Amino acid sequence: HAVGGRAVEIRAFSPDVHVALAGSVELAMELGVASD
């Protein structure tokens, strides 16, 4: 994913906790983590 999806990865590790939480959820979904 890192090759083509840097924007999501950057949000997932943002210093803004709200952005990071949303980005982490988005990244997990893109990586195929089970929704539960």
PDB file of all heavy atoms in Angstrom:
ATOM      1  N   HIS A   1       0.822  -1.208   0.000  1.00  0.00           N
ATOM      2  CA  HIS A   1       0.000   0.000   0.000  1.00  0.00           C
ATOM      3  C   HIS A   1       0.859   1.262   0.000  1.00  0.00           C
ATOM      4  O   HIS A   1       0.485   2.261  -0.607  1.00  0.00           O
ATOM      5  CB  HIS A   1      -0.908  -0.009   1.233  1.00  0.00           C
ATOM      6  CG  HIS A   1      -1.686   1.242   1.408  1.00  0.00           C
ATOM      7  ND1 HIS A   1      -2.822   1.505   0.693  1.00  0.00           N
ATOM      8  CD2 HIS A   1      -1.480   2.318   2.195  1.00  0.00           C
ATOM      9  CE1 HIS A   1      -3.289   2.685   1.050  1.00  0.00           C
ATOM     10  NE2 HIS A   1      -2.494   3.196   1.963  1.00  0.00           N
ATOM     11  N   ALA A   2       1.992   1.212   0.643  1.00  0.00           N
ATOM     12  CA  ALA A   2       2.844   2.395   0.795  1.00  0.00           C
ATOM     13  C   ALA A   2       3.304   2.943  -0.545  1.00  0.00           C
ATOM     14  O   ALA A   2       3.554   4.137  -0.667  1.00  0.00           O
ATOM     15  CB  ALA A   2       4.047   2.067   1.679  1.00  0.00           C
ATOM     16  N   VAL A   3       3.365   2.091  -1.551  1.00  0.00           N
ATOM     17  CA  VAL A   3       3.818   2.547  -2.862  1.00  0.00           C
ATOM     18  C   VAL A   3       2.828   3.535  -3.466  1.00  0.00           C
ATOM     19  O   VAL A   3       3.213   4.563  -3.982  1.00  0.00           O
ATOM     20  CB  VAL A   3       4.012   1.329  -3.806  1.00  0.00           C
ATOM     21  CG1 VAL A   3       4.330   1.780  -5.212  1.00  0.00           C
ATOM     22  CG2 VAL A   3       5.107   0.425  -3.266  1.00  0.00           C
ATOM     23  N   GLY A   4       1.522   3.268  -3.344  1.00  0.00           N
ATOM     24  CA  GLY A   4       0.549   4.125  -4.005  1.00  0.00           C
ATOM     25  C   GLY A   4      -0.386   4.879  -3.083  1.00  0.00           C
ATOM     26  O   GLY A   4      -1.130   5.728  -3.541  1.00  0.00           O
ATOM     27  N   GLY A   5      -0.384   4.613  -1.805  1.00  0.00           N
ATOM     28  CA  GLY A   5      -1.370   5.214  -0.919  1.00  0.00           C
ATOM     29  C   GLY A   5      -0.789   6.016   0.219  1.00  0.00           C
ATOM     30  O   GLY A   5      -1.245   5.915   1.343  1.00  0.00           O
ATOM     31  N   ARG A   6       0.168   6.838  -0.054  1.00  0.00           N
ATOM     32  CA  ARG A   6       0.845   7.594   1.006  1.00  0.00           C
ATOM     33  C   ARG A   6      -0.078   8.561   1.735  1.00  0.00           C
ATOM     34  O   ARG A   6       0.107   8.809   2.913  1.00  0.00           O
ATOM     35  CB  ARG A   6       2.031   8.368   0.434  1.00  0.00           C
ATOM     36  CG  ARG A   6       3.144   7.507  -0.101  1.00  0.00           C
ATOM     37  CD  ARG A   6       3.873   6.774   0.954  1.00  0.00           C
ATOM     38  NE  ARG A   6       4.688   7.684   1.722  1.00  0.00           N
ATOM     39  CZ  ARG A   6       5.330   7.357   2.812  1.00  0.00           C
ATOM     40  NH1 ARG A   6       5.255   6.138   3.266  1.00  0.00           N
ATOM     41  NH2 ARG A   6       6.039   8.224   3.471  1.00  0.00           N
ATOM     42  N   ALA A   7      -1.091   9.108   1.081  1.00  0.00           N
ATOM     43  CA  ALA A   7      -1.966  10.089   1.728  1.00  0.00           C
ATOM     44  C   ALA A   7      -2.683   9.480   2.920  1.00  0.00           C
ATOM     45  O   ALA A   7      -2.751  10.085   3.994  1.00  0.00           O
ATOM     46  CB  ALA A   7      -2.969  10.654   0.729  1.00  0.00           C
ATOM     47  N   VAL A   8      -3.199   8.276   2.759  1.00  0.00           N
ATOM     48  CA  VAL A   8      -3.892   7.603   3.861  1.00  0.00           C
ATOM     49  C   VAL A   8      -2.904   7.300   4.976  1.00  0.00           C
ATOM     50  O   VAL A   8      -3.194   7.506   6.153  1.00  0.00           O
ATOM     51  CB  VAL A   8      -4.572   6.304   3.385  1.00  0.00           C
ATOM     52  CG1 VAL A   8      -5.124   5.518   4.554  1.00  0.00           C
ATOM     53  CG2 VAL A   8      -5.672   6.616   2.388  1.00  0.00           C
ATOM     54  N   GLU A   9      -1.742   6.832   4.618  1.00  0.00           N
ATOM     55  CA  GLU A   9      -0.720   6.519   5.618  1.00  0.00           C
ATOM     56  C   GLU A   9      -0.306   7.772   6.389  1.00  0.00           C
ATOM     57  O   GLU A   9      -0.156   7.740   7.610  1.00  0.00           O
ATOM     58  CB  GLU A   9       0.493   5.896   4.928  1.00  0.00           C
ATOM     59  CG  GLU A   9       1.555   5.426   5.886  1.00  0.00           C
ATOM     60  CD  GLU A   9       2.736   4.793   5.186  1.00  0.00           C
ATOM     61  OE1 GLU A   9       2.609   4.401   4.021  1.00  0.00           O
ATOM     62  OE2 GLU A   9       3.787   4.706   5.815  1.00  0.00           O
ATOM     63  N   ILE A  10      -0.162   8.870   5.697  1.00  0.00           N
ATOM     64  CA  ILE A  10       0.224  10.124   6.352  1.00  0.00           C
ATOM     65  C   ILE A  10      -0.855  10.552   7.345  1.00  0.00           C
ATOM     66  O   ILE A  10      -0.555  10.944   8.474  1.00  0.00           O
ATOM     67  CB  ILE A  10       0.497  11.222   5.301  1.00  0.00           C
ATOM     68  CG1 ILE A  10       1.801  10.905   4.561  1.00  0.00           C
ATOM     69  CG2 ILE A  10       0.556  12.599   5.943  1.00  0.00           C
ATOM     70  CD1 ILE A  10       2.044  11.733   3.320  1.00  0.00           C
ATOM     71  N   ARG A  11      -2.132  10.447   6.952  1.00  0.00           N
ATOM     72  CA  ARG A  11      -3.216  10.791   7.877  1.00  0.00           C
ATOM     73  C   ARG A  11      -3.221   9.871   9.086  1.00  0.00           C
ATOM     74  O   ARG A  11      -3.477  10.306  10.205  1.00  0.00           O
ATOM     75  CB  ARG A  11      -4.571  10.728   7.163  1.00  0.00           C
ATOM     76  CG  ARG A  11      -4.826  11.910   6.268  1.00  0.00           C
ATOM     77  CD  ARG A  11      -6.265  11.974   5.814  1.00  0.00           C
ATOM     78  NE  ARG A  11      -6.722  10.815   5.084  1.00  0.00           N
ATOM     79  CZ  ARG A  11      -6.557  10.577   3.795  1.00  0.00           C
ATOM     80  NH1 ARG A  11      -5.893  11.446   3.056  1.00  0.00           N
ATOM     81  NH2 ARG A  11      -7.032   9.501   3.220  1.00  0.00           N
ATOM     82  N   ALA A  12      -2.947   8.602   8.891  1.00  0.00           N
ATOM     83  CA  ALA A  12      -2.977   7.640   9.994  1.00  0.00           C
ATOM     84  C   ALA A  12      -1.928   7.951  11.057  1.00  0.00           C
ATOM     85  O   ALA A  12      -2.087   7.563  12.214  1.00  0.00           O
ATOM     86  CB  ALA A  12      -2.780   6.222   9.462  1.00  0.00           C
ATOM     87  N   PHE A  13      -0.869   8.655  10.684  1.00  0.00           N
ATOM     88  CA  PHE A  13       0.199   8.977  11.631  1.00  0.00           C
ATOM     89  C   PHE A  13       0.316  10.475  11.877  1.00  0.00           C
ATOM     90  O   PHE A  13       1.362  10.971  12.271  1.00  0.00           O
ATOM     91  CB  PHE A  13       1.523   8.381  11.141  1.00  0.00           C
ATOM     92  CG  PHE A  13       1.476   6.888  11.053  1.00  0.00           C
ATOM     93  CD1 PHE A  13       1.285   6.245   9.843  1.00  0.00           C
ATOM     94  CD2 PHE A  13       1.571   6.114  12.204  1.00  0.00           C
ATOM     95  CE1 PHE A  13       1.211   4.859   9.769  1.00  0.00           C
ATOM     96  CE2 PHE A  13       1.487   4.733  12.138  1.00  0.00           C
ATOM     97  CZ  PHE A  13       1.315   4.107  10.919  1.00  0.00           C
ATOM     98  N   SER A  14      -0.784  11.185  11.666  1.00  0.00           N
ATOM     99  CA  SER A  14      -0.816  12.632  11.881  1.00  0.00           C
ATOM    100  C   SER A  14      -0.661  12.966  13.362  1.00  0.00           C
ATOM    101  O   SER A  14      -1.133  12.229  14.231  1.00  0.00           O
ATOM    102  CB  SER A  14      -2.157  13.185  11.391  1.00  0.00           C
ATOM    103  OG  SER A  14      -2.320  14.524  11.774  1.00  0.00           O
ATOM    104  N   PRO A  15      -0.031  14.101  13.680  1.00  0.00           N
ATOM    105  CA  PRO A  15       0.049  14.525  15.083  1.00  0.00           C
ATOM    106  C   PRO A  15      -1.306  14.988  15.627  1.00  0.00           C
ATOM    107  O   PRO A  15      -1.505  15.032  16.836  1.00  0.00           O
ATOM    108  CB  PRO A  15       1.058  15.677  15.067  1.00  0.00           C
ATOM    109  CG  PRO A  15       1.154  16.105  13.649  1.00  0.00           C
ATOM    110  CD  PRO A  15       0.752  14.941  12.797  1.00  0.00           C
ATOM    111  N   ASP A  16      -2.260  15.303  14.738  1.00  0.00           N
ATOM    112  CA  ASP A  16      -3.612  15.664  15.152  1.00  0.00           C
ATOM    113  C   ASP A  16      -4.365  14.365  15.452  1.00  0.00           C
ATOM    114  O   ASP A  16      -4.611  13.559  14.561  1.00  0.00           O
ATOM    115  CB  ASP A  16      -4.310  16.434  14.034  1.00  0.00           C
ATOM    116  CG  ASP A  16      -5.722  16.853  14.375  1.00  0.00           C
ATOM    117  OD1 ASP A  16      -6.450  16.078  15.046  1.00  0.00           O
ATOM    118  OD2 ASP A  16      -6.123  17.955  13.965  1.00  0.00           O
ATOM    119  N   VAL A  17      -4.723  14.149  16.695  1.00  0.00           N
ATOM    120  CA  VAL A  17      -5.297  12.874  17.121  1.00  0.00           C
ATOM    121  C   VAL A  17      -6.576  12.527  16.365  1.00  0.00           C
ATOM    122  O   VAL A  17      -6.808  11.368  16.041  1.00  0.00           O
ATOM    123  CB  VAL A  17      -5.507  12.836  18.653  1.00  0.00           C
ATOM    124  CG1 VAL A  17      -6.611  13.776  19.093  1.00  0.00           C
ATOM    125  CG2 VAL A  17      -5.801  11.425  19.125  1.00  0.00           C
ATOM    126  N   HIS A  18      -7.396  13.504  16.054  1.00  0.00           N
ATOM    127  CA  HIS A  18      -8.642  13.235  15.332  1.00  0.00           C
ATOM    128  C   HIS A  18      -8.368  12.785  13.897  1.00  0.00           C
ATOM    129  O   HIS A  18      -8.999  11.850  13.401  1.00  0.00           O
ATOM    130  CB  HIS A  18      -9.548  14.468  15.353  1.00  0.00           C
ATOM    131  CG  HIS A  18      -9.937  14.868  16.737  1.00  0.00           C
ATOM    132  ND1 HIS A  18     -10.827  14.145  17.500  1.00  0.00           N
ATOM    133  CD2 HIS A  18      -9.535  15.896  17.509  1.00  0.00           C
ATOM    134  CE1 HIS A  18     -10.963  14.718  18.678  1.00  0.00           C
ATOM    135  NE2 HIS A  18     -10.181  15.784  18.716  1.00  0.00           N
ATOM    136  N   VAL A  19      -7.426  13.434  13.250  1.00  0.00           N
ATOM    137  CA  VAL A  19      -7.025  13.051  11.901  1.00  0.00           C
ATOM    138  C   VAL A  19      -6.388  11.660  11.925  1.00  0.00           C
ATOM    139  O   VAL A  19      -6.671  10.811  11.071  1.00  0.00           O
ATOM    140  CB  VAL A  19      -6.054  14.089  11.289  1.00  0.00           C
ATOM    141  CG1 VAL A  19      -5.485  13.607   9.957  1.00  0.00           C
ATOM    142  CG2 VAL A  19      -6.750  15.431  11.129  1.00  0.00           C
ATOM    143  N   ALA A  20      -5.542  11.417  12.921  1.00  0.00           N
ATOM    144  CA  ALA A  20      -4.858  10.126  13.029  1.00  0.00           C
ATOM    145  C   ALA A  20      -5.844   8.982  13.255  1.00  0.00           C
ATOM    146  O   ALA A  20      -5.701   7.913  12.658  1.00  0.00           O
ATOM    147  CB  ALA A  20      -3.832  10.162  14.152  1.00  0.00           C
ATOM    148  N   LEU A  21      -6.840   9.198  14.108  1.00  0.00           N
ATOM    149  CA  LEU A  21      -7.826   8.148  14.356  1.00  0.00           C
ATOM    150  C   LEU A  21      -8.612   7.821  13.092  1.00  0.00           C
ATOM    151  O   LEU A  21      -8.782   6.655  12.738  1.00  0.00           O
ATOM    152  CB  LEU A  21      -8.768   8.545  15.485  1.00  0.00           C
ATOM    153  CG  LEU A  21      -8.160   8.539  16.876  1.00  0.00           C
ATOM    154  CD1 LEU A  21      -9.130   9.137  17.882  1.00  0.00           C
ATOM    155  CD2 LEU A  21      -7.756   7.139  17.288  1.00  0.00           C
ATOM    156  N   ALA A  22      -9.077   8.847  12.401  1.00  0.00           N
ATOM    157  CA  ALA A  22      -9.820   8.621  11.159  1.00  0.00           C
ATOM    158  C   ALA A  22      -8.921   7.968  10.107  1.00  0.00           C
ATOM    159  O   ALA A  22      -9.338   7.035   9.408  1.00  0.00           O
ATOM    160  CB  ALA A  22     -10.386   9.937  10.634  1.00  0.00           C
ATOM    161  N   GLY A  23      -7.685   8.436  10.000  1.00  0.00           N
ATOM    162  CA  GLY A  23      -6.747   7.861   9.045  1.00  0.00           C
ATOM    163  C   GLY A  23      -6.398   6.423   9.364  1.00  0.00           C
ATOM    164  O   GLY A  23      -6.242   5.595   8.462  1.00  0.00           O
ATOM    165  N   SER A  24      -6.294   6.095  10.643  1.00  0.00           N
ATOM    166  CA  SER A  24      -5.991   4.719  11.052  1.00  0.00           C
ATOM    167  C   SER A  24      -7.123   3.769  10.683  1.00  0.00           C
ATOM    168  O   SER A  24      -6.884   2.657  10.223  1.00  0.00           O
ATOM    169  CB  SER A  24      -5.738   4.657  12.556  1.00  0.00           C
ATOM    170  OG  SER A  24      -4.575   5.368  12.878  1.00  0.00           O
ATOM    171  N   VAL A  25      -8.350   4.229  10.880  1.00  0.00           N
ATOM    172  CA  VAL A  25      -9.510   3.413  10.506  1.00  0.00           C
ATOM    173  C   VAL A  25      -9.527   3.209   9.000  1.00  0.00           C
ATOM    174  O   VAL A  25      -9.699   2.089   8.510  1.00  0.00           O
ATOM    175  CB  VAL A  25     -10.828   4.064  10.989  1.00  0.00           C
ATOM    176  CG1 VAL A  25     -12.035   3.392  10.360  1.00  0.00           C
ATOM    177  CG2 VAL A  25     -10.911   4.024  12.506  1.00  0.00           C
ATOM    178  N   GLU A  26      -9.307   4.280   8.254  1.00  0.00           N
ATOM    179  CA  GLU A  26      -9.290   4.197   6.794  1.00  0.00           C
ATOM    180  C   GLU A  26      -8.181   3.271   6.305  1.00  0.00           C
ATOM    181  O   GLU A  26      -8.388   2.432   5.421  1.00  0.00           O
ATOM    182  CB  GLU A  26      -9.109   5.595   6.210  1.00  0.00           C
ATOM    183  CG  GLU A  26      -9.217   5.665   4.718  1.00  0.00           C
ATOM    184  CD  GLU A  26      -9.066   7.077   4.177  1.00  0.00           C
ATOM    185  OE1 GLU A  26      -8.985   8.039   4.963  1.00  0.00           O
ATOM    186  OE2 GLU A  26      -9.009   7.214   2.944  1.00  0.00           O
ATOM    187  N   LEU A  27      -7.009   3.387   6.897  1.00  0.00           N
ATOM    188  CA  LEU A  27      -5.876   2.533   6.516  1.00  0.00           C
ATOM    189  C   LEU A  27      -6.170   1.070   6.818  1.00  0.00           C
ATOM    190  O   LEU A  27      -5.929   0.197   5.987  1.00  0.00           O
ATOM    191  CB  LEU A  27      -4.608   2.989   7.246  1.00  0.00           C
ATOM    192  CG  LEU A  27      -3.339   2.215   6.945  1.00  0.00           C
ATOM    193  CD1 LEU A  27      -2.980   2.298   5.462  1.00  0.00           C
ATOM    194  CD2 LEU A  27      -2.186   2.736   7.800  1.00  0.00           C
ATOM    195  N   ALA A  28      -6.721   0.802   7.990  1.00  0.00           N
ATOM    196  CA  ALA A  28      -7.059  -0.582   8.351  1.00  0.00           C
ATOM    197  C   ALA A  28      -8.058  -1.172   7.361  1.00  0.00           C
ATOM    198  O   ALA A  28      -7.922  -2.326   6.936  1.00  0.00           O
ATOM    199  CB  ALA A  28      -7.623  -0.625   9.772  1.00  0.00           C
ATOM    200  N   MET A  29      -9.047  -0.384   6.979  1.00  0.00           N
ATOM    201  CA  MET A  29     -10.042  -0.865   6.016  1.00  0.00           C
ATOM    202  C   MET A  29      -9.396  -1.161   4.667  1.00  0.00           C
ATOM    203  O   MET A  29      -9.672  -2.190   4.059  1.00  0.00           O
ATOM    204  CB  MET A  29     -11.164   0.160   5.873  1.00  0.00           C
ATOM    205  CG  MET A  29     -12.014   0.284   7.130  1.00  0.00           C
ATOM    206  SD  MET A  29     -13.144   1.693   7.138  1.00  0.00           S
ATOM    207  CE  MET A  29     -14.191   1.333   5.757  1.00  0.00           C
ATOM    208  N   GLU A  30      -8.522  -0.265   4.211  1.00  0.00           N
ATOM    209  CA  GLU A  30      -7.844  -0.472   2.929  1.00  0.00           C
ATOM    210  C   GLU A  30      -6.935  -1.694   2.948  1.00  0.00           C
ATOM    211  O   GLU A  30      -6.727  -2.334   1.927  1.00  0.00           O
ATOM    212  CB  GLU A  30      -7.051   0.765   2.540  1.00  0.00           C
ATOM    213  CG  GLU A  30      -7.923   1.897   2.065  1.00  0.00           C
ATOM    214  CD  GLU A  30      -7.125   2.987   1.396  1.00  0.00           C
ATOM    215  OE1 GLU A  30      -5.968   2.752   0.997  1.00  0.00           O
ATOM    216  OE2 GLU A  30      -7.677   4.089   1.276  1.00  0.00           O
ATOM    217  N   LEU A  31      -6.394  -2.006   4.125  1.00  0.00           N
ATOM    218  CA  LEU A  31      -5.487  -3.153   4.235  1.00  0.00           C
ATOM    219  C   LEU A  31      -6.236  -4.463   4.436  1.00  0.00           C
ATOM    220  O   LEU A  31      -5.630  -5.519   4.510  1.00  0.00           O
ATOM    221  CB  LEU A  31      -4.500  -2.928   5.382  1.00  0.00           C
ATOM    222  CG  LEU A  31      -3.512  -1.794   5.152  1.00  0.00           C
ATOM    223  CD1 LEU A  31      -2.676  -1.566   6.405  1.00  0.00           C
ATOM    224  CD2 LEU A  31      -2.614  -2.094   3.962  1.00  0.00           C
ATOM    225  N   GLY A  32      -7.563  -4.384   4.557  1.00  0.00           N
ATOM    226  CA  GLY A  32      -8.359  -5.597   4.655  1.00  0.00           C
ATOM    227  C   GLY A  32      -8.541  -6.131   6.061  1.00  0.00           C
ATOM    228  O   GLY A  32      -8.888  -7.293   6.246  1.00  0.00           O
ATOM    229  N   VAL A  33      -8.331  -5.296   7.065  1.00  0.00           N
ATOM    230  CA  VAL A  33      -8.573  -5.721   8.446  1.00  0.00           C
ATOM    231  C   VAL A  33     -10.069  -5.935   8.610  1.00  0.00           C
ATOM    232  O   VAL A  33     -10.882  -5.139   8.129  1.00  0.00           O
ATOM    233  CB  VAL A  33      -8.065  -4.644   9.444  1.00  0.00           C
ATOM    234  CG1 VAL A  33      -8.402  -5.022  10.870  1.00  0.00           C
ATOM    235  CG2 VAL A  33      -6.570  -4.435   9.278  1.00  0.00           C
ATOM    236  N   ALA A  34     -10.445  -7.014   9.274  1.00  0.00           N
ATOM    237  CA  ALA A  34     -11.856  -7.322   9.493  1.00  0.00           C
ATOM    238  C   ALA A  34     -12.520  -6.181  10.258  1.00  0.00           C
ATOM    239  O   ALA A  34     -11.943  -5.640  11.203  1.00  0.00           O
ATOM    240  CB  ALA A  34     -11.999  -8.625  10.270  1.00  0.00           C
ATOM    241  N   SER A  35     -13.733  -5.817   9.848  1.00  0.00           N
ATOM    242  CA  SER A  35     -14.404  -4.661  10.451  1.00  0.00           C
ATOM    243  C   SER A  35     -14.603  -4.812  11.954  1.00  0.00           C
ATOM    244  O   SER A  35     -14.579  -3.818  12.684  1.00  0.00           O
ATOM    245  CB  SER A  35     -15.737  -4.392   9.764  1.00  0.00           C
ATOM    246  OG  SER A  35     -16.600  -5.490   9.928  1.00  0.00           O
ATOM    247  N   ASP A  36     -14.769  -6.036  12.441  1.00  0.00           N
ATOM    248  CA  ASP A  36     -14.956  -6.225  13.880  1.00  0.00           C
ATOM    249  C   ASP A  36     -13.651  -6.048  14.660  1.00  0.00           C
ATOM    250  O   ASP A  36     -13.666  -5.950  15.878  1.00  0.00           O
ATOM    251  CB  ASP A  36     -15.593  -7.576  14.184  1.00  0.00           C
ATOM    252  CG  ASP A  36     -14.752  -8.753  13.743  1.00  0.00           C
ATOM    253  OD1 ASP A  36     -14.042  -8.632  12.722  1.00  0.00           O
ATOM    254  OD2 ASP A  36     -14.803  -9.793  14.405  1.00  0.00           O
TER     255      ASP A  36
END
